[in-house]
Amino acid sequence: MSTLAKSSEVTAVEVSCKADGLKVVLADGRVVSVPLAWFPKLLAATPKHRAEWELIGGGIGIHWEAIDEDILVASVLQPENFMRLHNEVLQRTAQNRRRR
């Protein structure tokens, strides 16, 4: 099984975490920011552990070894397809996407 990203997949090139948000820079130049509350393990992690990330699968995912957390870039772009978020959060995300 190959872990290389297909050319049609969106990939990350850079990641950063603040106290309340996760920012992912995509290979196509877009920058996506999402609430850290979407990822409880990251939210509970120390700033040092949040900073110790690595790209996996050619950039289709992000891995934090110290907290055993993996996040797909696709889940950041379309959380309603990947995460079990509260219905209210999903509705706000969908509404914000429609406004753009």
N, C-alpha and C. Protein backbone atom coordinates (compact mmCIF):
# COMPACT_ATOMS: atom_id res chain seq x y z
N MET A 1 0.84 -1.17 0.00
CA MET A 1 0.00 0.00 0.00
C MET A 1 0.89 1.24 0.00
N SER A 2 0.64 2.13 -0.93
CA SER A 2 1.44 3.34 -1.05
C SER A 2 0.91 4.44 -0.14
N THR A 3 1.81 5.20 0.44
CA THR A 3 1.40 6.33 1.26
C THR A 3 1.61 7.66 0.53
N LEU A 4 1.97 7.60 -0.75
CA LEU A 4 2.15 8.83 -1.50
C LEU A 4 0.80 9.44 -1.83
N ALA A 5 0.75 10.76 -1.80
CA ALA A 5 -0.49 11.47 -2.09
C ALA A 5 -0.75 11.46 -3.59
N LYS A 6 -1.98 11.24 -3.98
CA LYS A 6 -2.37 11.33 -5.38
C LYS A 6 -2.32 12.79 -5.78
N SER A 7 -2.08 13.07 -7.05
CA SER A 7 -1.95 14.45 -7.49
C SER A 7 -3.23 15.25 -7.30
N SER A 8 -4.38 14.57 -7.24
CA SER A 8 -5.65 15.27 -7.07
C SER A 8 -5.97 15.57 -5.61
N GLU A 9 -5.20 15.04 -4.68
CA GLU A 9 -5.46 15.27 -3.26
C GLU A 9 -4.85 16.58 -2.80
N VAL A 10 -5.55 17.26 -1.93
CA VAL A 10 -5.03 18.49 -1.33
C VAL A 10 -4.01 18.10 -0.27
N THR A 11 -2.87 18.76 -0.30
CA THR A 11 -1.81 18.42 0.66
C THR A 11 -1.35 19.65 1.43
N ALA A 12 -0.86 19.40 2.62
CA ALA A 12 -0.34 20.45 3.49
C ALA A 12 1.16 20.59 3.28
N VAL A 13 1.66 21.81 3.50
CA VAL A 13 3.10 22.05 3.46
C VAL A 13 3.62 22.65 4.76
N GLU A 14 2.71 23.21 5.55
CA GLU A 14 3.10 23.84 6.82
C GLU A 14 1.92 23.79 7.78
N VAL A 15 2.22 23.70 9.07
CA VAL A 15 1.19 23.60 10.10
C VAL A 15 1.63 24.43 11.30
N SER A 16 0.67 25.08 11.95
CA SER A 16 0.98 25.75 13.21
C SER A 16 -0.26 25.71 14.10
N CYS A 17 -0.02 25.71 15.40
CA CYS A 17 -1.10 25.70 16.39
C CYS A 17 -0.92 26.86 17.35
N LYS A 18 -1.99 27.57 17.55
CA LYS A 18 -2.05 28.60 18.60
C LYS A 18 -2.87 28.00 19.74
N ALA A 19 -3.11 28.76 20.77
CA ALA A 19 -3.87 28.27 21.92
C ALA A 19 -5.30 27.90 21.55
N ASP A 20 -5.83 28.52 20.50
CA ASP A 20 -7.23 28.27 20.14
C ASP A 20 -7.46 27.85 18.70
N GLY A 21 -6.40 27.72 17.89
CA GLY A 21 -6.62 27.38 16.49
C GLY A 21 -5.51 26.58 15.86
N LEU A 22 -5.88 25.85 14.81
CA LEU A 22 -4.95 25.08 14.00
C LEU A 22 -4.92 25.74 12.62
N LYS A 23 -3.74 26.07 12.13
CA LYS A 23 -3.59 26.68 10.82
C LYS A 23 -2.80 25.73 9.93
N VAL A 24 -3.35 25.47 8.73
CA VAL A 24 -2.70 24.57 7.77
C VAL A 24 -2.49 25.33 6.47
N VAL A 25 -1.24 25.37 6.00
CA VAL A 25 -0.92 25.98 4.72
C VAL A 25 -0.91 24.85 3.69
N LEU A 26 -1.71 25.01 2.64
CA LEU A 26 -1.85 23.97 1.62
C LEU A 26 -0.86 24.21 0.48
N ALA A 27 -0.57 23.14 -0.23
CA ALA A 27 0.39 23.21 -1.34
C ALA A 27 -0.07 24.17 -2.43
N ASP A 28 -1.37 24.38 -2.57
CA ASP A 28 -1.88 25.29 -3.60
C ASP A 28 -1.91 26.75 -3.15
N GLY A 29 -1.39 27.02 -1.95
CA GLY A 29 -1.28 28.39 -1.46
C GLY A 29 -2.38 28.81 -0.50
N ARG A 30 -3.45 28.04 -0.40
CA ARG A 30 -4.52 28.39 0.55
C ARG A 30 -4.05 28.19 1.98
N VAL A 31 -4.63 28.98 2.87
CA VAL A 31 -4.36 28.84 4.30
C VAL A 31 -5.71 28.59 4.97
N VAL A 32 -5.79 27.49 5.71
CA VAL A 32 -7.03 27.10 6.37
C VAL A 32 -6.82 27.15 7.87
N SER A 33 -7.72 27.84 8.57
CA SER A 33 -7.66 27.89 10.03
C SER A 33 -8.96 27.34 10.60
N VAL A 34 -8.82 26.49 11.60
CA VAL A 34 -9.99 25.88 12.24
C VAL A 34 -9.81 25.93 13.75
N PRO A 35 -10.92 25.88 14.49
CA PRO A 35 -10.82 25.91 15.95
C PRO A 35 -10.10 24.68 16.50
N LEU A 36 -9.23 24.89 17.44
CA LEU A 36 -8.53 23.78 18.08
C LEU A 36 -9.51 22.89 18.84
N ALA A 37 -10.65 23.44 19.22
CA ALA A 37 -11.68 22.67 19.93
C ALA A 37 -12.17 21.49 19.11
N TRP A 38 -11.98 21.52 17.80
CA TRP A 38 -12.37 20.39 16.96
C TRP A 38 -11.50 19.16 17.24
N PHE A 39 -10.34 19.37 17.82
CA PHE A 39 -9.37 18.29 18.05
C PHE A 39 -8.99 18.26 19.52
N PRO A 40 -9.77 17.57 20.35
CA PRO A 40 -9.55 17.58 21.80
C PRO A 40 -8.14 17.22 22.25
N LYS A 41 -7.49 16.29 21.56
CA LYS A 41 -6.12 15.94 21.95
C LYS A 41 -5.17 17.11 21.75
N LEU A 42 -5.33 17.83 20.66
CA LEU A 42 -4.49 19.01 20.43
C LEU A 42 -4.80 20.11 21.42
N LEU A 43 -6.07 20.29 21.70
CA LEU A 43 -6.49 21.32 22.65
C LEU A 43 -5.87 21.06 24.02
N ALA A 44 -5.82 19.81 24.43
CA ALA A 44 -5.28 19.45 25.74
C ALA A 44 -3.76 19.37 25.77
N ALA A 45 -3.12 19.38 24.62
CA ALA A 45 -1.66 19.23 24.54
C ALA A 45 -0.95 20.51 24.96
N THR A 46 0.30 20.34 25.31
CA THR A 46 1.13 21.51 25.63
C THR A 46 1.53 22.21 24.33
N PRO A 47 1.87 23.50 24.41
CA PRO A 47 2.35 24.19 23.20
C PRO A 47 3.55 23.48 22.58
N LYS A 48 4.42 22.93 23.41
CA LYS A 48 5.60 22.20 22.90
C LYS A 48 5.15 20.99 22.08
N HIS A 49 4.20 20.23 22.58
CA HIS A 49 3.73 19.05 21.85
C HIS A 49 2.99 19.45 20.58
N ARG A 50 2.24 20.53 20.62
CA ARG A 50 1.55 21.00 19.41
C ARG A 50 2.52 21.38 18.31
N ALA A 51 3.68 21.88 18.70
CA ALA A 51 4.69 22.32 17.73
C ALA A 51 5.46 21.16 17.11
N GLU A 52 5.35 19.97 17.68
CA GLU A 52 6.11 18.81 17.21
C GLU A 52 5.27 17.94 16.27
N TRP A 53 4.97 18.47 15.10
CA TRP A 53 4.15 17.79 14.10
C TRP A 53 5.03 17.32 12.95
N GLU A 54 4.49 16.40 12.18
CA GLU A 54 5.15 15.99 10.93
C GLU A 54 4.07 15.67 9.90
N LEU A 55 4.37 15.93 8.64
CA LEU A 55 3.44 15.60 7.57
C LEU A 55 3.55 14.11 7.28
N ILE A 56 2.42 13.49 7.00
CA ILE A 56 2.40 12.06 6.66
C ILE A 56 1.69 11.88 5.33
N GLY A 57 2.01 10.78 4.66
CA GLY A 57 1.36 10.46 3.39
C GLY A 57 1.58 11.50 2.32
N GLY A 58 2.77 12.10 2.29
CA GLY A 58 3.04 13.11 1.28
C GLY A 58 2.30 14.41 1.52
N GLY A 59 1.82 14.62 2.75
CA GLY A 59 1.14 15.85 3.10
C GLY A 59 -0.37 15.73 3.19
N ILE A 60 -0.91 14.52 3.02
CA ILE A 60 -2.37 14.36 3.14
C ILE A 60 -2.82 14.34 4.59
N GLY A 61 -1.85 14.23 5.50
CA GLY A 61 -2.17 14.19 6.92
C GLY A 61 -1.08 14.81 7.75
N ILE A 62 -1.42 15.05 9.01
CA ILE A 62 -0.50 15.62 9.97
C ILE A 62 -0.47 14.69 11.19
N HIS A 63 0.73 14.45 11.71
CA HIS A 63 0.89 13.53 12.84
C HIS A 63 1.62 14.22 13.98
N TRP A 64 1.11 14.02 15.19
CA TRP A 64 1.76 14.48 16.42
C TRP A 64 2.10 13.23 17.23
N GLU A 65 3.35 12.87 17.24
CA GLU A 65 3.81 11.65 17.90
C GLU A 65 3.55 11.67 19.42
N ALA A 66 3.88 12.76 20.08
CA ALA A 66 3.80 12.83 21.54
C ALA A 66 2.39 12.64 22.07
N ILE A 67 1.38 13.01 21.28
CA ILE A 67 0.00 12.86 21.74
C ILE A 67 -0.78 11.83 20.92
N ASP A 68 -0.07 11.13 20.03
CA ASP A 68 -0.67 10.07 19.21
C ASP A 68 -1.92 10.58 18.48
N GLU A 69 -1.74 11.67 17.73
CA GLU A 69 -2.85 12.27 17.00
C GLU A 69 -2.51 12.38 15.52
N ASP A 70 -3.45 11.98 14.67
CA ASP A 70 -3.35 12.10 13.22
C ASP A 70 -4.57 12.84 12.72
N ILE A 71 -4.35 13.83 11.86
CA ILE A 71 -5.45 14.59 11.28
C ILE A 71 -5.28 14.64 9.77
N LEU A 72 -6.32 14.27 9.05
CA LEU A 72 -6.30 14.37 7.60
C LEU A 72 -6.57 15.80 7.18
N VAL A 73 -5.86 16.27 6.16
CA VAL A 73 -6.12 17.60 5.61
C VAL A 73 -7.56 17.68 5.13
N ALA A 74 -8.06 16.62 4.54
CA ALA A 74 -9.45 16.60 4.07
C ALA A 74 -10.44 16.85 5.20
N SER A 75 -10.12 16.40 6.41
CA SER A 75 -11.03 16.61 7.53
C SER A 75 -11.04 18.06 7.99
N VAL A 76 -9.98 18.79 7.73
CA VAL A 76 -9.94 20.21 8.04
C VAL A 76 -10.77 20.99 7.01
N LEU A 77 -10.71 20.53 5.76
CA LEU A 77 -11.44 21.21 4.69
C LEU A 77 -12.93 20.90 4.70
N GLN A 78 -13.30 19.69 5.06
CA GLN A 78 -14.70 19.27 5.08
C GLN A 78 -15.00 18.50 6.36
N PRO A 79 -15.04 19.18 7.49
CA PRO A 79 -15.20 18.48 8.77
C PRO A 79 -16.49 17.70 8.88
N GLU A 80 -17.54 18.16 8.22
CA GLU A 80 -18.82 17.45 8.30
C GLU A 80 -18.75 16.04 7.72
N ASN A 81 -17.75 15.77 6.87
CA ASN A 81 -17.59 14.44 6.28
C ASN A 81 -16.70 13.52 7.11
N PHE A 82 -15.99 14.07 8.09
CA PHE A 82 -15.00 13.27 8.80
C PHE A 82 -15.14 13.24 10.31
N MET A 83 -15.75 14.27 10.89
CA MET A 83 -15.75 14.39 12.34
C MET A 83 -17.15 14.33 12.91
N ARG A 84 -17.21 13.92 14.14
CA ARG A 84 -18.48 13.92 14.88
C ARG A 84 -18.54 15.19 15.72
N LEU A 85 -18.84 16.27 15.06
CA LEU A 85 -18.96 17.54 15.75
C LEU A 85 -20.40 17.74 16.15
N HIS A 86 -20.61 18.59 17.13
CA HIS A 86 -21.97 18.92 17.53
C HIS A 86 -22.71 19.50 16.33
N ASN A 87 -23.96 19.19 16.19
CA ASN A 87 -24.76 19.63 15.07
C ASN A 87 -24.68 21.14 14.87
N GLU A 88 -24.67 21.89 15.96
CA GLU A 88 -24.60 23.35 15.88
C GLU A 88 -23.30 23.80 15.20
N VAL A 89 -22.19 23.17 15.53
CA VAL A 89 -20.90 23.51 14.94
C VAL A 89 -20.92 23.19 13.44
N LEU A 90 -21.46 22.05 13.08
CA LEU A 90 -21.54 21.67 11.67
C LEU A 90 -22.40 22.65 10.88
N GLN A 91 -23.50 23.08 11.45
CA GLN A 91 -24.38 24.02 10.76
C GLN A 91 -23.66 25.34 10.52
N ARG A 92 -22.93 25.84 11.52
CA ARG A 92 -22.17 27.08 11.35
C ARG A 92 -21.12 26.92 10.27
N THR A 93 -20.42 25.78 10.26
CA THR A 93 -19.40 25.54 9.25
C THR A 93 -20.01 25.55 7.86
N ALA A 94 -21.12 24.86 7.68
CA ALA A 94 -21.79 24.82 6.38
C ALA A 94 -22.28 26.19 5.96
N GLN A 95 -22.83 26.97 6.89
CA GLN A 95 -23.30 28.32 6.58
C GLN A 95 -22.16 29.23 6.16
N ASN A 96 -21.05 29.14 6.87
CA ASN A 96 -19.89 29.95 6.52
C ASN A 96 -19.35 29.59 5.15
N ARG A 97 -19.36 28.31 4.82
CA ARG A 97 -18.86 27.87 3.51
C ARG A 97 -19.76 28.41 2.40
N ARG A 98 -21.08 28.41 2.62
CA ARG A 98 -22.01 28.90 1.59
C ARG A 98 -21.86 30.40 1.35
N ARG A 99 -21.47 31.15 2.39
CA ARG A 99 -21.31 32.60 2.26
C ARG A 99 -20.11 32.98 1.41
N ARG A 100 -19.13 32.12 1.31
CA ARG A 100 -17.90 32.44 0.58
C ARG A 100 -18.07 32.39 -0.90
